[in-house]
PDB file of N, CA and C in Angstrom:
ATOM      1  N   MET A   1      -6.307 139.286  30.590  1.00  0.00           N
ATOM      2  CA  MET A   1      -7.303 139.201  31.304  1.00  0.00           C
ATOM      3  C   MET A   1      -7.836 137.678  31.584  1.00  0.00           C
ATOM      4  N   GLU A   2      -7.794 136.448  30.826  1.00  0.00           N
ATOM      5  CA  GLU A   2      -7.660 135.521  30.776  1.00  0.00           C
ATOM      6  C   GLU A   2      -6.547 134.371  32.198  1.00  0.00           C
ATOM      7  N   MET A   3      -5.780 135.310  32.151  1.00  0.00           N
ATOM      8  CA  MET A   3      -4.394 134.764  33.415  1.00  0.00           C
ATOM      9  C   MET A   3      -5.388 135.083  34.442  1.00  0.00           C
ATOM     10  N   LEU A   4      -5.633 136.666  34.814  1.00  0.00           N
ATOM     11  CA  LEU A   4      -5.904 137.397  36.223  1.00  0.00           C
ATOM     12  C   LEU A   4      -7.224 136.638  36.670  1.00  0.00           C
ATOM     13  N   SER A   5      -8.385 136.060  35.631  1.00  0.00           N
ATOM     14  CA  SER A   5      -9.398 135.212  36.055  1.00  0.00           C
ATOM     15  C   SER A   5      -9.145 133.929  36.267  1.00  0.00           C
ATOM     16  N   ASP A   6      -8.352 133.548  36.003  1.00  0.00           N
ATOM     17  CA  ASP A   6      -7.551 131.999  36.376  1.00  0.00           C
ATOM     18  C   ASP A   6      -8.208 131.461  37.709  1.00  0.00           C
ATOM     19  N   LYS A   7      -8.977 130.994  38.188  1.00  0.00           N
ATOM     20  CA  LYS A   7      -9.453 130.648  38.799  1.00  0.00           C
ATOM     21  C   LYS A   7      -8.219 129.529  40.042  1.00  0.00           C
ATOM     22  N   ALA A   8      -7.726 128.657  39.021  1.00  0.00           N
ATOM     23  CA  ALA A   8      -7.113 127.535  39.283  1.00  0.00           C
ATOM     24  C   ALA A   8      -5.648 128.513  39.401  1.00  0.00           C
ATOM     25  N   TYR A   9      -5.304 129.194  39.003  1.00  0.00           N
ATOM     26  CA  TYR A   9      -3.962 130.533  38.947  1.00  0.00           C
ATOM     27  C   TYR A   9      -3.757 130.899  40.292  1.00  0.00           C
ATOM     28  N   ALA A  10      -4.910 131.682  40.751  1.00  0.00           N
ATOM     29  CA  ALA A  10      -5.393 132.114  41.535  1.00  0.00           C
ATOM     30  C   ALA A  10      -5.137 131.430  43.107  1.00  0.00           C
ATOM     31  N   ALA A  11      -5.708 130.064  42.653  1.00  0.00           N
ATOM     32  CA  ALA A  11      -5.352 129.392  44.001  1.00  0.00           C
ATOM     33  C   ALA A  11      -4.105 128.761  44.159  1.00  0.00           C
ATOM     34  N   GLU A  12      -3.773 128.564  42.881  1.00  0.00           N
ATOM     35  CA  GLU A  12      -2.012 128.151  43.166  1.00  0.00           C
ATOM     36  C   GLU A  12      -0.951 129.331  43.823  1.00  0.00           C
ATOM     37  N   MET A  13      -1.161 130.403  43.745  1.00  0.00           N
ATOM     38  CA  MET A  13      -0.212 131.955  44.112  1.00  0.00           C
ATOM     39  C   MET A  13      -1.096 131.522  44.952  1.00  0.00           C
ATOM     40  N   ARG A  14      -2.214 131.639  46.078  1.00  0.00           N
ATOM     41  CA  ARG A  14      -2.058 131.639  47.573  1.00  0.00           C
ATOM     42  C   ARG A  14      -1.625 130.976  48.045  1.00  0.00           C
ATOM     43  N   ALA A  15      -1.462 129.428  47.723  1.00  0.00           N
ATOM     44  CA  ALA A  15      -1.170 128.251  48.052  1.00  0.00           C
ATOM     45  C   ALA A  15       0.438 128.476  48.217  1.00  0.00           C
ATOM     46  N   HIS A  16       1.559 129.208  47.173  1.00  0.00           N
ATOM     47  CA  HIS A  16       2.613 129.271  47.608  1.00  0.00           C
ATOM     48  C   HIS A  16       2.992 130.522  48.017  1.00  0.00           C
ATOM     49  N   MET A  17       1.918 131.734  48.367  1.00  0.00           N
ATOM     50  CA  MET A  17       2.232 132.897  48.707  1.00  0.00           C
ATOM     51  C   MET A  17       2.034 132.515  50.289  1.00  0.00           C
ATOM     52  N   SER A  18       1.125 131.006  50.859  1.00  0.00           N
ATOM     53  CA  SER A  18       1.336 130.919  52.150  1.00  0.00           C
ATOM     54  C   SER A  18       2.288 130.036  52.769  1.00  0.00           C
ATOM     55  N   ASP A  19       3.004 129.265  51.670  1.00  0.00           N
ATOM     56  CA  ASP A  19       4.022 128.966  51.722  1.00  0.00           C
ATOM     57  C   ASP A  19       5.225 129.579  52.357  1.00  0.00           C
ATOM     58  N   LEU A  20       5.070 130.906  51.493  1.00  0.00           N
ATOM     59  CA  LEU A  20       6.411 132.101  51.678  1.00  0.00           C
ATOM     60  C   LEU A  20       6.107 133.045  52.953  1.00  0.00           C
ATOM     61  N   TRP A  21       5.051 133.565  53.117  1.00  0.00           N
ATOM     62  CA  TRP A  21       4.107 134.601  54.185  1.00  0.00           C
ATOM     63  C   TRP A  21       4.046 133.783  55.340  1.00  0.00           C
ATOM     64  N   THR A  22       4.912 133.419  55.893  1.00  0.00           N
ATOM     65  CA  THR A  22       4.469 132.774  57.306  1.00  0.00           C
ATOM     66  C   THR A  22       4.637 133.495  58.449  1.00  0.00           C
ATOM     67  N   GLN A  23       4.804 133.667  59.530  1.00  0.00           N
ATOM     68  CA  GLN A  23       4.680 134.787  60.704  1.00  0.00           C
ATOM     69  C   GLN A  23       6.160 134.850  60.620  1.00  0.00           C
ATOM     70  N   GLU A  24       7.240 133.991  60.220  1.00  0.00           N
ATOM     71  CA  GLU A  24       8.804 133.822  60.191  1.00  0.00           C
ATOM     72  C   GLU A  24       9.010 134.937  59.571  1.00  0.00           C
ATOM     73  N   PHE A  25       8.249 135.036  58.200  1.00  0.00           N
ATOM     74  CA  PHE A  25       8.990 136.026  57.150  1.00  0.00           C
ATOM     75  C   PHE A  25       8.898 137.379  57.519  1.00  0.00           C
ATOM     76  N   ASP A  26      10.069 137.762  56.906  1.00  0.00           N
ATOM     77  CA  ASP A  26      10.539 139.089  57.453  1.00  0.00           C
ATOM     78  C   ASP A  26      10.610 139.723  55.854  1.00  0.00           C
ATOM     79  N   PRO A  27       9.262 139.938  55.270  1.00  0.00           N
ATOM     80  CA  PRO A  27       9.207 140.479  54.160  1.00  0.00           C
ATOM     81  C   PRO A  27      10.186 142.128  53.563  1.00  0.00           C
ATOM     82  N   ALA A  28      10.818 142.776  54.427  1.00  0.00           N
ATOM     83  CA  ALA A  28      11.165 143.971  54.680  1.00  0.00           C
ATOM     84  C   ALA A  28      12.591 143.126  54.269  1.00  0.00           C
ATOM     85  N   ALA A  29      13.003 142.384  55.107  1.00  0.00           N
ATOM     86  CA  ALA A  29      14.492 141.769  54.849  1.00  0.00           C
ATOM     87  C   ALA A  29      15.097 141.167  53.602  1.00  0.00           C
ATOM     88  N   TYR A  30      13.685 140.457  53.364  1.00  0.00           N
ATOM     89  CA  TYR A  30      13.783 139.601  52.111  1.00  0.00           C
ATOM     90  C   TYR A  30      13.521 140.706  50.669  1.00  0.00           C
ATOM     91  N   ALA A  31      13.247 141.640  50.781  1.00  0.00           N
ATOM     92  CA  ALA A  31      13.061 142.645  50.236  1.00  0.00           C
ATOM     93  C   ALA A  31      14.465 143.235  49.478  1.00  0.00           C
ATOM     94  N   GLN A  32      14.946 143.547  50.989  1.00  0.00           N
ATOM     95  CA  GLN A  32      16.146 144.598  50.791  1.00  0.00           C
ATOM     96  C   GLN A  32      17.498 143.302  50.160  1.00  0.00           C
ATOM     97  N   ALA A  33      17.382 142.069  50.862  1.00  0.00           N
ATOM     98  CA  ALA A  33      18.379 140.983  50.390  1.00  0.00           C
ATOM     99  C   ALA A  33      18.080 140.747  48.723  1.00  0.00           C
ATOM    100  N   ALA A  34      17.006 141.065  48.353  1.00  0.00           N
ATOM    101  CA  ALA A  34      16.317 140.569  47.245  1.00  0.00           C
ATOM    102  C   ALA A  34      17.467 141.899  46.034  1.00  0.00           C
ATOM    103  N   ASP A  35      16.716 143.224  46.255  1.00  0.00           N
ATOM    104  CA  ASP A  35      17.617 144.591  45.955  1.00  0.00           C
ATOM    105  C   ASP A  35      18.705 144.134  45.901  1.00  0.00           C
ATOM    106  N   ALA A  36      19.285 144.329  46.664  1.00  0.00           N
ATOM    107  CA  ALA A  36      20.929 144.338  46.938  1.00  0.00           C
ATOM    108  C   ALA A  36      21.585 142.628  46.347  1.00  0.00           C
ATOM    109  N   THR A  37      20.621 141.779  45.894  1.00  0.00           N
ATOM    110  CA  THR A  37      21.409 140.745  44.919  1.00  0.00           C
ATOM    111  C   THR A  37      20.808 140.827  43.354  1.00  0.00           C
ATOM    112  N   PHE A  38      19.925 141.356  43.358  1.00  0.00           N
ATOM    113  CA  PHE A  38      19.330 141.754  41.864  1.00  0.00           C
ATOM    114  C   PHE A  38      20.564 142.673  41.340  1.00  0.00           C
ATOM    115  N   ALA A  39      21.024 143.986  42.288  1.00  0.00           N
ATOM    116  CA  ALA A  39      21.916 144.828  41.896  1.00  0.00           C
ATOM    117  C   ALA A  39      23.086 144.484  41.448  1.00  0.00           C
ATOM    118  N   ARG A  40      24.063 143.260  42.841  1.00  0.00           N
ATOM    119  CA  ARG A  40      25.003 142.443  42.126  1.00  0.00           C
ATOM    120  C   ARG A  40      25.151 141.283  40.791  1.00  0.00           C
ATOM    121  N   VAL A  41      23.818 141.151  40.208  1.00  0.00           N
ATOM    122  CA  VAL A  41      23.316 140.395  39.585  1.00  0.00           C
ATOM    123  C   VAL A  41      23.370 141.465  38.110  1.00  0.00           C
ATOM    124  N   ARG A  42      23.294 142.149  37.957  1.00  0.00           N
ATOM    125  CA  ARG A  42      22.870 143.045  37.090  1.00  0.00           C
ATOM    126  C   ARG A  42      24.554 143.701  36.661  1.00  0.00           C
ATOM    127  N   ALA A  43      25.143 144.201  37.643  1.00  0.00           N
ATOM    128  CA  ALA A  43      26.346 144.368  37.306  1.00  0.00           C
ATOM    129  C   ALA A  43      27.452 143.201  37.329  1.00  0.00           C
ATOM    130  N   ALA A  44      27.646 142.329  37.438  1.00  0.00           N
ATOM    131  CA  ALA A  44      28.094 140.810  36.942  1.00  0.00           C
ATOM    132  C   ALA A  44      27.482 140.672  35.368  1.00  0.00           C
ATOM    133  N   ILE A  45      26.306 140.895  35.077  1.00  0.00           N
ATOM    134  CA  ILE A  45      25.872 140.649  34.087  1.00  0.00           C
ATOM    135  C   ILE A  45      26.860 141.722  32.460  1.00  0.00           C
ATOM    136  N   ASP A  46      25.983 143.048  33.382  1.00  0.00           N
ATOM    137  CA  ASP A  46      26.851 143.850  32.535  1.00  0.00           C
ATOM    138  C   ASP A  46      28.129 143.986  32.287  1.00  0.00           C
ATOM    139  N   ASN A  47      28.832 143.313  33.528  1.00  0.00           N
ATOM    140  CA  ASN A  47      30.235 142.559  33.055  1.00  0.00           C
ATOM    141  C   ASN A  47      30.923 141.811  32.782  1.00  0.00           C
ATOM    142  N   GLY A  48      29.814 140.817  32.139  1.00  0.00           N
ATOM    143  CA  GLY A  48      30.345 139.978  31.243  1.00  0.00           C
ATOM    144  C   GLY A  48      30.397 138.357  31.886  1.00  0.00           C
ATOM    145  N   LEU A  49      29.936 138.427  33.313  1.00  0.00           N
ATOM    146  CA  LEU A  49      30.591 137.274  34.688  1.00  0.00           C
ATOM    147  C   LEU A  49      28.965 136.512  33.959  1.00  0.00           C
ATOM    148  N   GLY A  50      29.136 135.457  34.259  1.00  0.00           N
ATOM    149  CA  GLY A  50      27.429 134.466  33.947  1.00  0.00           C
ATOM    150  C   GLY A  50      27.720 133.917  35.657  1.00  0.00           C
ATOM    151  N   PRO A  51      27.065 133.265  35.787  1.00  0.00           N
ATOM    152  CA  PRO A  51      26.751 132.312  37.135  1.00  0.00           C
ATOM    153  C   PRO A  51      27.126 131.653  37.554  1.00  0.00           C
ATOM    154  N   GLN A  52      28.196 130.803  36.243  1.00  0.00           N
ATOM    155  CA  GLN A  52      29.302 130.154  36.838  1.00  0.00           C
ATOM    156  C   GLN A  52      30.790 130.405  37.027  1.00  0.00           C
ATOM    157  N   SER A  53      30.370 131.712  37.380  1.00  0.00           N
ATOM    158  CA  SER A  53      32.252 131.948  37.754  1.00  0.00           C
ATOM    159  C   SER A  53      31.851 132.203  39.356  1.00  0.00           C
ATOM    160  N   ALA A  54      33.183 132.560  39.997  1.00  0.00           N
ATOM    161  CA  ALA A  54      33.441 132.470  40.969  1.00  0.00           C
ATOM    162  C   ALA A  54      32.244 133.685  41.786  1.00  0.00           C
ATOM    163  N   LEU A  55      32.266 134.881  41.153  1.00  0.00           N
ATOM    164  CA  LEU A  55      31.377 135.874  41.490  1.00  0.00           C
ATOM    165  C   LEU A  55      30.146 135.646  41.731  1.00  0.00           C
ATOM    166  N   GLY A  56      29.424 134.625  40.400  1.00  0.00           N
ATOM    167  CA  GLY A  56      28.135 133.877  40.579  1.00  0.00           C
ATOM    168  C   GLY A  56      27.960 132.860  41.646  1.00  0.00           C
ATOM    169  N   ARG A  57      28.586 132.271  42.051  1.00  0.00           N
ATOM    170  CA  ARG A  57      28.533 131.017  43.493  1.00  0.00           C
ATOM    171  C   ARG A  57      28.618 132.065  44.806  1.00  0.00           C
ATOM    172  N   GLU A  58      29.989 133.142  44.688  1.00  0.00           N
ATOM    173  CA  GLU A  58      29.327 133.698  46.091  1.00  0.00           C
ATOM    174  C   GLU A  58      28.022 134.627  45.984  1.00  0.00           C
ATOM    175  N   ILE A  59      27.497 135.821  44.813  1.00  0.00           N
ATOM    176  CA  ILE A  59      26.282 136.043  44.871  1.00  0.00           C
ATOM    177  C   ILE A  59      25.368 134.842  45.230  1.00  0.00           C
ATOM    178  N   ALA A  60      25.242 133.841  44.910  1.00  0.00           N
ATOM    179  CA  ALA A  60      23.998 132.605  45.023  1.00  0.00           C
ATOM    180  C   ALA A  60      24.226 132.104  46.458  1.00  0.00           C
ATOM    181  N   ALA A  61      25.827 132.246  47.022  1.00  0.00           N
ATOM    182  CA  ALA A  61      25.617 131.723  48.444  1.00  0.00           C
ATOM    183  C   ALA A  61      25.235 132.612  49.343  1.00  0.00           C
ATOM    184  N   GLU A  62      25.540 133.929  49.139  1.00  0.00           N
ATOM    185  CA  GLU A  62      25.127 135.212  49.567  1.00  0.00           C
ATOM    186  C   GLU A  62      23.817 135.665  49.553  1.00  0.00           C
ATOM    187  N   TRP A  63      22.908 135.052  48.467  1.00  0.00           N
ATOM    188  CA  TRP A  63      21.454 135.059  48.434  1.00  0.00           C
ATOM    189  C   TRP A  63      20.800 133.888  49.084  1.00  0.00           C
ATOM    190  N   LEU A  64      21.368 133.040  49.289  1.00  0.00           N
ATOM    191  CA  LEU A  64      21.054 131.666  50.074  1.00  0.00           C
ATOM    192  C   LEU A  64      20.895 132.404  51.462  1.00  0.00           C
ATOM    193  N   ALA A  65      21.626 132.642  52.115  1.00  0.00           N
ATOM    194  CA  ALA A  65      21.848 132.737  53.217  1.00  0.00           C
ATOM    195  C   ALA A  65      21.089 133.992  53.670  1.00  0.00           C
ATOM    196  N   GLN A  66      20.952 135.152  52.642  1.00  0.00           N
ATOM    197  CA  GLN A  66      19.824 136.117  52.863  1.00  0.00           C
ATOM    198  C   GLN A  66      18.522 135.671  52.836  1.00  0.00           C
ATOM    199  N   SER A  67      18.170 135.186  51.910  1.00  0.00           N
ATOM    200  CA  SER A  67      16.675 134.807  51.799  1.00  0.00           C
ATOM    201  C   SER A  67      16.334 134.002  52.992  1.00  0.00           C
ATOM    202  N   ALA A  68      17.493 132.541  53.336  1.00  0.00           N
ATOM    203  CA  ALA A  68      17.129 131.764  54.418  1.00  0.00           C
ATOM    204  C   ALA A  68      16.734 132.640  55.664  1.00  0.00           C
ATOM    205  N   ARG A  69      17.237 133.861  56.063  1.00  0.00           N
ATOM    206  CA  ARG A  69      17.481 134.636  56.961  1.00  0.00           C
ATOM    207  C   ARG A  69      15.976 135.330  56.982  1.00  0.00           C
ATOM    208  N   ALA A  70      16.013 135.603  55.833  1.00  0.00           N
ATOM    209  CA  ALA A  70      14.681 136.464  56.413  1.00  0.00           C
ATOM    210  C   ALA A  70      13.835 135.562  56.305  1.00  0.00           C
ATOM    211  N   MET A  71      13.502 134.390  56.073  1.00  0.00           N
ATOM    212  CA  MET A  71      12.187 133.531  56.282  1.00  0.00           C
ATOM    213  C   MET A  71      12.222 132.157  57.364  1.00  0.00           C
ATOM    214  N   LYS A  72      13.828 133.073  58.069  1.00  0.00           N
ATOM    215  CA  LYS A  72      13.539 131.578  59.631  1.00  0.00           C
ATOM    216  C   LYS A  72      14.158 130.539  59.336  1.00  0.00           C
ATOM    217  N   ARG A  73      14.928 130.255  58.211  1.00  0.00           N
ATOM    218  CA  ARG A  73      15.368 128.839  57.463  1.00  0.00           C
ATOM    219  C   ARG A  73      16.686 128.529  57.705  1.00  0.00           C
ATOM    220  N   ALA A  74      17.440 127.889  57.618  1.00  0.00           N
ATOM    221  CA  ALA A  74      18.429 126.858  57.499  1.00  0.00           C
ATOM    222  C   ALA A  74      18.825 127.889  55.723  1.00  0.00           C
ATOM    223  N   PRO A  75      20.079 128.232  55.751  1.00  0.00           N
ATOM    224  CA  PRO A  75      20.645 127.861  53.943  1.00  0.00           C
ATOM    225  C   PRO A  75      20.827 126.857  53.695  1.00  0.00           C
ATOM    226  N   ASP A  76      20.708 125.710  53.957  1.00  0.00           N
ATOM    227  CA  ASP A  76      21.095 124.149  53.467  1.00  0.00           C
ATOM    228  C   ASP A  76      20.420 123.591  52.277  1.00  0.00           C
ATOM    229  N   GLN A  77      20.992 122.566  52.218  1.00  0.00           N
ATOM    230  CA  GLN A  77      20.470 121.481  50.894  1.00  0.00           C
ATOM    231  C   GLN A  77      18.889 121.388  50.926  1.00  0.00           C
ATOM    232  N   VAL A  78      17.957 121.644  51.538  1.00  0.00           N
ATOM    233  CA  VAL A  78      16.595 121.379  52.140  1.00  0.00           C
ATOM    234  C   VAL A  78      16.181 122.881  51.350  1.00  0.00           C
ATOM    235  N   PHE A  79      16.492 123.961  52.025  1.00  0.00           N
ATOM    236  CA  PHE A  79      16.020 125.414  51.369  1.00  0.00           C
ATOM    237  C   PHE A  79      16.323 125.774  50.198  1.00  0.00           C
ATOM    238  N   LEU A  80      17.934 125.102  49.663  1.00  0.00           N
ATOM    239  CA  LEU A  80      18.335 124.924  48.445  1.00  0.00           C
ATOM    240  C   LEU A  80      17.368 124.655  47.324  1.00  0.00           C
ATOM    241  N   ASP A  81      17.193 123.369  47.502  1.00  0.00           N
ATOM    242  CA  ASP A  81      16.059 122.775  46.734  1.00  0.00           C
ATOM    243  C   ASP A  81      14.932 123.481  46.687  1.00  0.00           C
ATOM    244  N   TRP A  82      14.288 123.560  47.640  1.00  0.00           N
ATOM    245  CA  TRP A  82      12.721 124.546  47.737  1.00  0.00           C
ATOM    246  C   TRP A  82      12.447 125.631  47.331  1.00  0.00           C
ATOM    247  N   GLN A  83      13.750 126.264  46.964  1.00  0.00           N
ATOM    248  CA  GLN A  83      14.053 127.363  46.211  1.00  0.00           C
ATOM    249  C   GLN A  83      14.293 127.308  44.912  1.00  0.00           C
ATOM    250  N   LEU A  84      14.846 126.264  44.444  1.00  0.00           N
ATOM    251  CA  LEU A  84      14.932 126.017  42.812  1.00  0.00           C
ATOM    252  C   LEU A  84      13.921 125.441  42.597  1.00  0.00           C
ATOM    253  N   GLU A  85      12.889 124.702  43.322  1.00  0.00           N
ATOM    254  CA  GLU A  85      11.188 123.987  42.643  1.00  0.00           C
ATOM    255  C   GLU A  85      10.655 125.074  42.937  1.00  0.00           C
ATOM    256  N   GLN A  86      11.171 126.583  43.632  1.00  0.00           N
ATOM    257  CA  GLN A  86       9.238 127.450  43.465  1.00  0.00           C
ATOM    258  C   GLN A  86       9.395 128.309  42.332  1.00  0.00           C
ATOM    259  N   TYR A  87      10.825 128.348  42.213  1.00  0.00           N
ATOM    260  CA  TYR A  87      11.375 129.252  40.714  1.00  0.00           C
ATOM    261  C   TYR A  87      11.074 128.099  39.595  1.00  0.00           C
ATOM    262  N   ARG A  88      11.274 126.997  39.808  1.00  0.00           N
ATOM    263  CA  ARG A  88      10.564 125.968  38.504  1.00  0.00           C
ATOM    264  C   ARG A  88       8.914 126.176  38.239  1.00  0.00           C
ATOM    265  N   LYS A  89       8.554 126.249  39.489  1.00  0.00           N
ATOM    266  CA  LYS A  89       7.301 126.068  39.450  1.00  0.00           C
ATOM    267  C   LYS A  89       6.601 127.628  38.829  1.00  0.00           C
ATOM    268  N   HIS A  90       6.590 128.261  39.728  1.00  0.00           N
ATOM    269  CA  HIS A  90       6.126 129.615  39.466  1.00  0.00           C
ATOM    270  C   HIS A  90       6.680 130.643  38.848  1.00  0.00           C
ATOM    271  N   HIS A  91       8.434 131.091  38.337  1.00  0.00           N
ATOM    272  CA  HIS A  91       8.794 132.174  37.904  1.00  0.00           C
ATOM    273  C   HIS A  91       8.220 132.929  36.353  1.00  0.00           C
ATOM    274  N   ALA A  92       7.991 131.889  35.931  1.00  0.00           N
ATOM    275  CA  ALA A  92       7.385 132.317  34.160  1.00  0.00           C
ATOM    276  C   ALA A  92       6.219 132.821  34.231  1.00  0.00           C
ATOM    277  N   ARG A  93       5.258 131.961  35.084  1.00  0.00           N
ATOM    278  CA  ARG A  93       3.794 132.328  34.751  1.00  0.00           C
ATOM    279  C   ARG A  93       3.741 133.791  36.469  1.00  0.00           C
ATOM    280  N   SER A  94       4.410 134.237  36.997  1.00  0.00           N
ATOM    281  CA  SER A  94       4.276 135.125  38.310  1.00  0.00           C
ATOM    282  C   SER A  94       5.069 136.076  37.227  1.00  0.00           C
ATOM    283  N   ALA A  95       6.281 136.176  36.603  1.00  0.00           N
ATOM    284  CA  ALA A  95       6.737 137.539  36.115  1.00  0.00           C
ATOM    285  C   ALA A  95       5.511 138.116  35.265  1.00  0.00           C
ATOM    286  N   ARG A  96       4.948 137.159  34.126  1.00  0.00           N
ATOM    287  CA  ARG A  96       3.831 137.856  33.415  1.00  0.00           C
ATOM    288  C   ARG A  96       2.456 137.823  33.910  1.00  0.00           C
ATOM    289  N   TYR A  97       1.961 137.903  35.215  1.00  0.00           N
ATOM    290  CA  TYR A  97       1.144 138.227  35.624  1.00  0.00           C
ATOM    291  C   TYR A  97       1.377 139.615  36.177  1.00  0.00           C
ATOM    292  N   GLN A  98       2.626 140.030  36.748  1.00  0.00           N
ATOM    293  CA  GLN A  98       3.037 141.077  37.328  1.00  0.00           C
ATOM    294  C   GLN A  98       3.025 142.132  36.480  1.00  0.00           C
ATOM    295  N   GLU A  99       3.278 142.096  35.005  1.00  0.00           N
ATOM    296  CA  GLU A  99       3.209 142.837  33.954  1.00  0.00           C
ATOM    297  C   GLU A  99       2.188 142.813  33.335  1.00  0.00           C
ATOM    298  N   LEU A 100       1.248 142.039  33.479  1.00  0.00           N
ATOM    299  CA  LEU A 100      -0.131 142.670  33.258  1.00  0.00           C
ATOM    300  C   LEU A 100      -0.444 143.224  34.055  1.00  0.00           C
ATOM    301  N   MET A 101      -0.438 143.339  35.507  1.00  0.00           N
ATOM    302  CA  MET A 101      -1.524 143.522  36.410  1.00  0.00           C
ATOM    303  C   MET A 101      -0.638 145.515  36.106  1.00  0.00           C
ATOM    304  N   ALA A 102       0.468 145.541  36.136  1.00  0.00           N
ATOM    305  CA  ALA A 102       1.108 146.965  36.025  1.00  0.00           C
ATOM    306  C   ALA A 102       0.850 147.547  34.453  1.00  0.00           C
ATOM    307  N   VAL A 103       0.299 146.904  33.546  1.00  0.00           N
ATOM    308  CA  VAL A 103      -0.409 147.121  32.257  1.00  0.00           C
ATOM    309  C   VAL A 103      -2.077 147.895  32.793  1.00  0.00           C
ATOM    310  N   LEU A 104      -2.579 146.360  33.087  1.00  0.00           N
ATOM    311  CA  LEU A 104      -4.129 147.136  33.829  1.00  0.00           C
ATOM    312  C   LEU A 104      -4.333 147.991  34.549  1.00  0.00           C
ATOM    313  N   GLN A 105      -2.879 148.919  35.443  1.00  0.00           N
ATOM    314  CA  GLN A 105      -3.122 149.423  36.348  1.00  0.00           C
ATOM    315  C   GLN A 105      -2.438 150.998  35.449  1.00  0.00           C
ATOM    316  N   GLY A 106      -2.347 151.240  34.672  1.00  0.00           N
ATOM    317  CA  GLY A 106      -2.374 152.422  33.525  1.00  0.00           C
ATOM    318  C   GLY A 106      -0.761 152.215  34.230  1.00  0.00           C
ATOM    319  N   GLN A 107       0.033 151.482  34.575  1.00  0.00           N
ATOM    320  CA  GLN A 107       1.612 151.695  34.600  1.00  0.00           C
ATOM    321  C   GLN A 107       2.228 151.148  33.794  1.00  0.00           C
ATOM    322  N   ALA A 108       3.651 151.358  34.313  1.00  0.00           N
ATOM    323  CA  ALA A 108       4.948 150.864  32.992  1.00  0.00           C
ATOM    324  C   ALA A 108       5.387 149.271  33.828  1.00  0.00           C
ATOM    325  N   PRO A 109       5.317 148.437  32.736  1.00  0.00           N
ATOM    326  CA  PRO A 109       6.027 147.694  33.431  1.00  0.00           C
ATOM    327  C   PRO A 109       6.992 147.732  34.687  1.00  0.00           C
ATOM    328  N   GLN A 110       7.748 146.969  35.781  1.00  0.00           N
ATOM    329  CA  GLN A 110       8.726 147.066  36.134  1.00  0.00           C
ATOM    330  C   GLN A 110       9.613 146.667  35.193  1.00  0.00           C
ATOM    331  N   ALA A 111      10.849 146.932  35.417  1.00  0.00           N
ATOM    332  CA  ALA A 111      12.284 146.400  34.771  1.00  0.00           C
ATOM    333  C   ALA A 111      11.688 144.879  34.665  1.00  0.00           C
ATOM    334  N   PRO A 112      12.317 144.388  33.500  1.00  0.00           N
ATOM    335  CA  PRO A 112      11.729 142.698  34.191  1.00  0.00           C
ATOM    336  C   PRO A 112      13.438 142.227  34.489  1.00  0.00           C
ATOM    337  N   THR A 113      12.904 141.420  35.950  1.00  0.00           N
ATOM    338  CA  THR A 113      13.772 140.574  36.715  1.00  0.00           C
ATOM    339  C   THR A 113      14.105 139.359  36.476  1.00  0.00           C
ATOM    340  N   GLY A 114      13.589 139.323  35.350  1.00  0.00           N
ATOM    341  CA  GLY A 114      13.571 137.602  34.325  1.00  0.00           C
ATOM    342  C   GLY A 114      14.981 136.810  34.278  1.00  0.00           C
ATOM    343  N   ARG A 115      15.816 137.881  34.100  1.00  0.00           N
ATOM    344  CA  ARG A 115      17.326 137.480  33.487  1.00  0.00           C
ATOM    345  C   ARG A 115      17.916 137.406  34.699  1.00  0.00           C
ATOM    346  N   GLU A 116      17.641 137.988  35.608  1.00  0.00           N
ATOM    347  CA  GLU A 116      18.467 137.867  37.179  1.00  0.00           C
ATOM    348  C   GLU A 116      17.837 136.997  37.832  1.00  0.00           C
ATOM    349  N   TRP A 117      16.888 136.765  37.883  1.00  0.00           N
ATOM    350  CA  TRP A 117      16.315 135.735  38.453  1.00  0.00           C
ATOM    351  C   TRP A 117      16.854 133.859  37.696  1.00  0.00           C
ATOM    352  N   SER A 118      17.224 134.350  36.402  1.00  0.00           N
ATOM    353  CA  SER A 118      17.431 132.668  35.993  1.00  0.00           C
ATOM    354  C   SER A 118      18.625 132.572  36.246  1.00  0.00           C
ATOM    355  N   TRP A 119      19.630 134.548  36.155  1.00  0.00           N
ATOM    356  CA  TRP A 119      21.020 133.865  36.435  1.00  0.00           C
ATOM    357  C   TRP A 119      21.451 133.519  37.728  1.00  0.00           C
ATOM    358  N   ILE A 120      20.718 134.001  38.908  1.00  0.00           N
ATOM    359  CA  ILE A 120      20.930 133.953  40.567  1.00  0.00           C
ATOM    360  C   ILE A 120      20.764 132.452  40.653  1.00  0.00           C
ATOM    361  N   ILE A 121      19.488 131.753  39.889  1.00  0.00           N
ATOM    362  CA  ILE A 121      18.784 130.426  40.094  1.00  0.00           C
ATOM    363  C   ILE A 121      20.066 129.279  39.168  1.00  0.00           C
ATOM    364  N   ASP A 122      20.693 129.391  37.980  1.00  0.00           N
ATOM    365  CA  ASP A 122      22.017 129.162  37.411  1.00  0.00           C
ATOM    366  C   ASP A 122      22.912 129.166  38.494  1.00  0.00           C
ATOM    367  N   ALA A 123      23.148 129.979  39.279  1.00  0.00           N
ATOM    368  CA  ALA A 123      24.295 130.209  39.989  1.00  0.00           C
ATOM    369  C   ALA A 123      23.469 129.591  41.079  1.00  0.00           C
ATOM    370  N   MET A 124      23.161 129.207  41.416  1.00  0.00           N
ATOM    371  CA  MET A 124      22.402 128.521  43.065  1.00  0.00           C
ATOM    372  C   MET A 124      22.597 126.896  42.723  1.00  0.00           C
ATOM    373  N   LYS A 125      22.401 126.656  41.280  1.00  0.00           N
ATOM    374  CA  LYS A 125      22.836 125.249  41.383  1.00  0.00           C
ATOM    375  C   LYS A 125      24.239 124.733  41.516  1.00  0.00           C
ATOM    376  N   GLN A 126      24.566 125.847  41.784  1.00  0.00           N
ATOM    377  CA  GLN A 126      26.076 125.082  41.602  1.00  0.00           C
ATOM    378  C   GLN A 126      26.536 124.899  43.478  1.00  0.00           C
ATOM    379  N   LEU A 127      25.389 125.010  44.062  1.00  0.00           N
ATOM    380  CA  LEU A 127      25.616 125.211  45.672  1.00  0.00           C
ATOM    381  C   LEU A 127      25.807 123.892  46.788  1.00  0.00           C
ATOM    382  N   PHE A 128      26.120 123.695  47.359  1.00  0.00           N
ATOM    383  CA  PHE A 128      26.811 122.484  47.698  1.00  0.00           C
ATOM    384  C   PHE A 128      26.673 121.217  46.624  1.00  0.00           C
TER     385      PHE A 128
END
């Protein structure tokens, strides 16, 4: 309950979402890209392939291109740096928030995507 009532966290998340959810943002395209990327990442993990593999680099480049397209941004170094910074700042706490919200709503927590995000972020660090 503490996290959910933390006004500073709520303000931080609103600011983060306002950076993401601009008029140019296509949430359907982003969700589709994320779903496809996570499926590929899970398959790579299941097959013992790490983010530093050739497939890791391929998936990372594709994710960068697709997520940039969904945000109407260029898939360049600036966008890559922005994505890495967003992950660094928000991922752990955001994942925990989503887990807690599911529990409070009487739902089973979603399958954790933390390992997939960590994998794709490590893969993206190889780009450029």
